[in-house]
C-alpha atoms as a PDB file:
ATOM      1  CA  MET A   1       0.000   0.000   0.000  1.00  0.00           C
ATOM      2  CA  ASN A   2       1.139   3.536  -0.749  1.00  0.00           C
ATOM      3  CA  ILE A   3      -0.420   5.999   1.683  1.00  0.00           C
ATOM      4  CA  PHE A   4      -0.605   8.728  -1.016  1.00  0.00           C
ATOM      5  CA  GLU A   5      -2.211   6.630  -3.773  1.00  0.00           C
ATOM      6  CA  ASN A   6      -5.813   5.620  -4.487  1.00  0.00           C
ATOM      7  CA  THR A   7      -7.257   8.881  -3.248  1.00  0.00           C
ATOM      8  CA  PRO A   8     -10.438   9.996  -5.019  1.00  0.00           C
ATOM      9  CA  SER A   9     -10.137  13.379  -6.732  1.00  0.00           C
ATOM     10  CA  LYS A  10     -13.452  14.543  -5.225  1.00  0.00           C
ATOM     11  CA  LEU A  11     -14.533  13.705  -1.691  1.00  0.00           C
ATOM     12  CA  LYS A  12     -18.040  14.513  -0.483  1.00  0.00           C
ATOM     13  CA  ASP A  13     -17.141  13.225   2.996  1.00  0.00           C
ATOM     14  CA  GLU A  14     -13.846  12.554   4.712  1.00  0.00           C
ATOM     15  CA  LEU A  15     -12.334   9.205   3.813  1.00  0.00           C
ATOM     16  CA  PHE A  16     -11.513   6.814   6.685  1.00  0.00           C
ATOM     17  CA  GLU A  17      -9.644   3.620   5.765  1.00  0.00           C
ATOM     18  CA  ASP A  18      -8.513   0.951   8.214  1.00  0.00           C
ATOM     19  CA  ILE A  19      -4.954  -0.170   7.575  1.00  0.00           C
ATOM     20  CA  LEU A  20      -4.408  -2.524  10.511  1.00  0.00           C
ATOM     21  CA  VAL A  21      -6.887  -3.459  13.221  1.00  0.00           C
ATOM     22  CA  ASN A  22      -6.708  -5.762  16.219  1.00  0.00           C
ATOM     23  CA  LYS A  23      -8.325  -5.831  19.666  1.00  0.00           C
ATOM     24  CA  ASN A  24      -5.778  -3.384  21.158  1.00  0.00           C
ATOM     25  CA  PHE A  25      -5.260  -0.801  18.431  1.00  0.00           C
ATOM     26  CA  LYS A  26      -6.287   0.478  15.024  1.00  0.00           C
ATOM     27  CA  ILE A  27      -4.221   2.272  12.398  1.00  0.00           C
ATOM     28  CA  GLU A  28      -6.201   4.248   9.854  1.00  0.00           C
ATOM     29  CA  ARG A  29      -5.645   6.624   6.978  1.00  0.00           C
ATOM     30  CA  ILE A  30      -7.843   9.701   6.942  1.00  0.00           C
ATOM     31  CA  VAL A  31      -8.136  11.940   3.882  1.00  0.00           C
ATOM     32  CA  SER A  32      -9.714  15.377   4.288  1.00  0.00           C
ATOM     33  CA  ASP A  33     -10.456  17.866   1.513  1.00  0.00           C
ATOM     34  CA  GLY A  34     -11.490  21.038   3.313  1.00  0.00           C
ATOM     35  CA  HIS A  35     -13.628  18.962   5.696  1.00  0.00           C
ATOM     36  CA  THR A  36     -14.301  20.025   9.276  1.00  0.00           C
ATOM     37  CA  SER A  37     -16.354  18.680  12.163  1.00  0.00           C
ATOM     38  CA  LYS A  38     -19.902  19.948  12.511  1.00  0.00           C
ATOM     39  CA  ASP A  39     -20.219  22.887  14.914  1.00  0.00           C
ATOM     40  CA  ASP A  40     -22.105  20.909  17.563  1.00  0.00           C
ATOM     41  CA  PHE A  41     -20.019  17.701  17.241  1.00  0.00           C
ATOM     42  CA  TRP A  42     -17.127  16.592  19.471  1.00  0.00           C
ATOM     43  CA  TYR A  43     -15.064  13.418  19.193  1.00  0.00           C
ATOM     44  CA  ASP A  44     -15.156  11.683  22.584  1.00  0.00           C
ATOM     45  CA  GLN A  45     -13.196   8.461  22.163  1.00  0.00           C
ATOM     46  CA  ASP A  46     -12.623   5.588  24.586  1.00  0.00           C
ATOM     47  CA  LYS A  47      -9.017   5.090  23.433  1.00  0.00           C
ATOM     48  CA  SER A  48      -6.013   7.354  22.990  1.00  0.00           C
ATOM     49  CA  GLU A  49      -5.323   8.606  19.467  1.00  0.00           C
ATOM     50  CA  TRP A  50      -1.888   9.467  18.105  1.00  0.00           C
ATOM     51  CA  LEU A  51      -1.906  11.161  14.721  1.00  0.00           C
ATOM     52  CA  ILE A  52       0.512  12.582  12.194  1.00  0.00           C
ATOM     53  CA  VAL A  53      -0.243  14.880   9.267  1.00  0.00           C
ATOM     54  CA  LEU A  54       1.535  13.496   6.195  1.00  0.00           C
ATOM     55  CA  GLN A  55       0.254  16.067   3.700  1.00  0.00           C
ATOM     56  CA  GLY A  56      -1.666  19.323   3.964  1.00  0.00           C
ATOM     57  CA  ASP A  57      -2.497  21.057   7.218  1.00  0.00           C
ATOM     58  CA  ALA A  58      -5.258  21.134   9.811  1.00  0.00           C
ATOM     59  CA  LYS A  59      -6.482  22.595  13.088  1.00  0.00           C
ATOM     60  CA  ILE A  60      -7.780  20.624  16.039  1.00  0.00           C
ATOM     61  CA  MET A  61      -9.818  22.372  18.743  1.00  0.00           C
ATOM     62  CA  PHE A  62     -10.288  20.983  22.228  1.00  0.00           C
ATOM     63  CA  GLU A  63     -13.295  21.515  24.470  1.00  0.00           C
ATOM     64  CA  ASP A  64     -11.384  24.184  26.448  1.00  0.00           C
ATOM     65  CA  ASN A  65     -11.143  26.226  23.166  1.00  0.00           C
ATOM     66  CA  ARG A  66      -7.416  25.489  22.824  1.00  0.00           C
ATOM     67  CA  GLU A  67      -6.661  25.123  19.109  1.00  0.00           C
ATOM     68  CA  ILE A  68      -3.612  23.382  17.676  1.00  0.00           C
ATOM     69  CA  TYR A  69      -2.377  23.988  14.124  1.00  0.00           C
ATOM     70  CA  LEU A  70      -0.790  20.949  12.467  1.00  0.00           C
ATOM     71  CA  LYS A  71       1.304  20.984   9.305  1.00  0.00           C
ATOM     72  CA  ARG A  72       3.062  18.210   7.423  1.00  0.00           C
ATOM     73  CA  GLY A  73       5.101  16.109   9.835  1.00  0.00           C
ATOM     74  CA  ASP A  74       3.400  17.372  13.009  1.00  0.00           C
ATOM     75  CA  THR A  75       2.099  14.808  15.499  1.00  0.00           C
ATOM     76  CA  LEU A  76      -0.466  14.991  18.268  1.00  0.00           C
ATOM     77  CA  ASN A  77      -1.473  12.589  21.026  1.00  0.00           C
ATOM     78  CA  ILE A  78      -5.070  12.837  22.246  1.00  0.00           C
ATOM     79  CA  LYS A  79      -5.993  11.160  25.534  1.00  0.00           C
ATOM     80  CA  PRO A  80      -9.171   9.093  25.988  1.00  0.00           C
ATOM     81  CA  HIS A  81     -12.301  11.231  26.401  1.00  0.00           C
ATOM     82  CA  GLN A  82     -10.403  14.434  25.596  1.00  0.00           C
ATOM     83  CA  LYS A  83     -13.151  16.065  23.537  1.00  0.00           C
ATOM     84  CA  HIS A  84     -11.908  17.547  20.274  1.00  0.00           C
ATOM     85  CA  LYS A  85     -12.964  18.438  16.746  1.00  0.00           C
ATOM     86  CA  VAL A  86     -11.421  19.383  13.415  1.00  0.00           C
ATOM     87  CA  THR A  87     -11.931  23.093  12.693  1.00  0.00           C
ATOM     88  CA  TYR A  88      -9.856  23.355   9.500  1.00  0.00           C
ATOM     89  CA  THR A  89      -8.252  21.213   6.798  1.00  0.00           C
ATOM     90  CA  SER A  90      -6.497  22.344   3.629  1.00  0.00           C
ATOM     91  CA  LYS A  91      -8.606  23.224   0.616  1.00  0.00           C
ATOM     92  CA  ASP A  92      -5.594  23.671  -1.713  1.00  0.00           C
ATOM     93  CA  GLU A  93      -4.471  20.068  -1.277  1.00  0.00           C
ATOM     94  CA  LYS A  94      -5.870  17.047   0.484  1.00  0.00           C
ATOM     95  CA  THR A  95      -4.865  16.578   4.100  1.00  0.00           C
ATOM     96  CA  ILE A  96      -3.671  13.019   4.646  1.00  0.00           C
ATOM     97  CA  TRP A  97      -3.507  11.836   8.240  1.00  0.00           C
ATOM     98  CA  LEU A  98      -2.283   8.621   9.805  1.00  0.00           C
ATOM     99  CA  ALA A  99      -4.113   7.893  13.071  1.00  0.00           C
ATOM    100  CA  VAL A 100      -3.278   5.235  15.624  1.00  0.00           C
ATOM    101  CA  HIS A 101      -6.020   4.439  18.152  1.00  0.00           C
ATOM    102  CA  TYR A 102      -4.639   2.544  21.145  1.00  0.00           C
END
């Protein structure tokens, strides 16, 4: 698999693809094309999530209104039940993320 290949040119919704899954963790590729979370939506996950931006850029906002800007190569670790949402992803190029849920 090449993480940058087989990406549709137009995406109505973000693309989530499982790469490796077992009972303890999941690795997924996420492709965003200007997508953001809905205003009233917060991710509230049971597991930790480590992510890296491989292409593009994005902003993650936490429930305390802290916002983190991520560019290519930046990583972020999100603890379980740390509410967060995506407030920005690149519109000029697709944002490709690798997320590890553990």
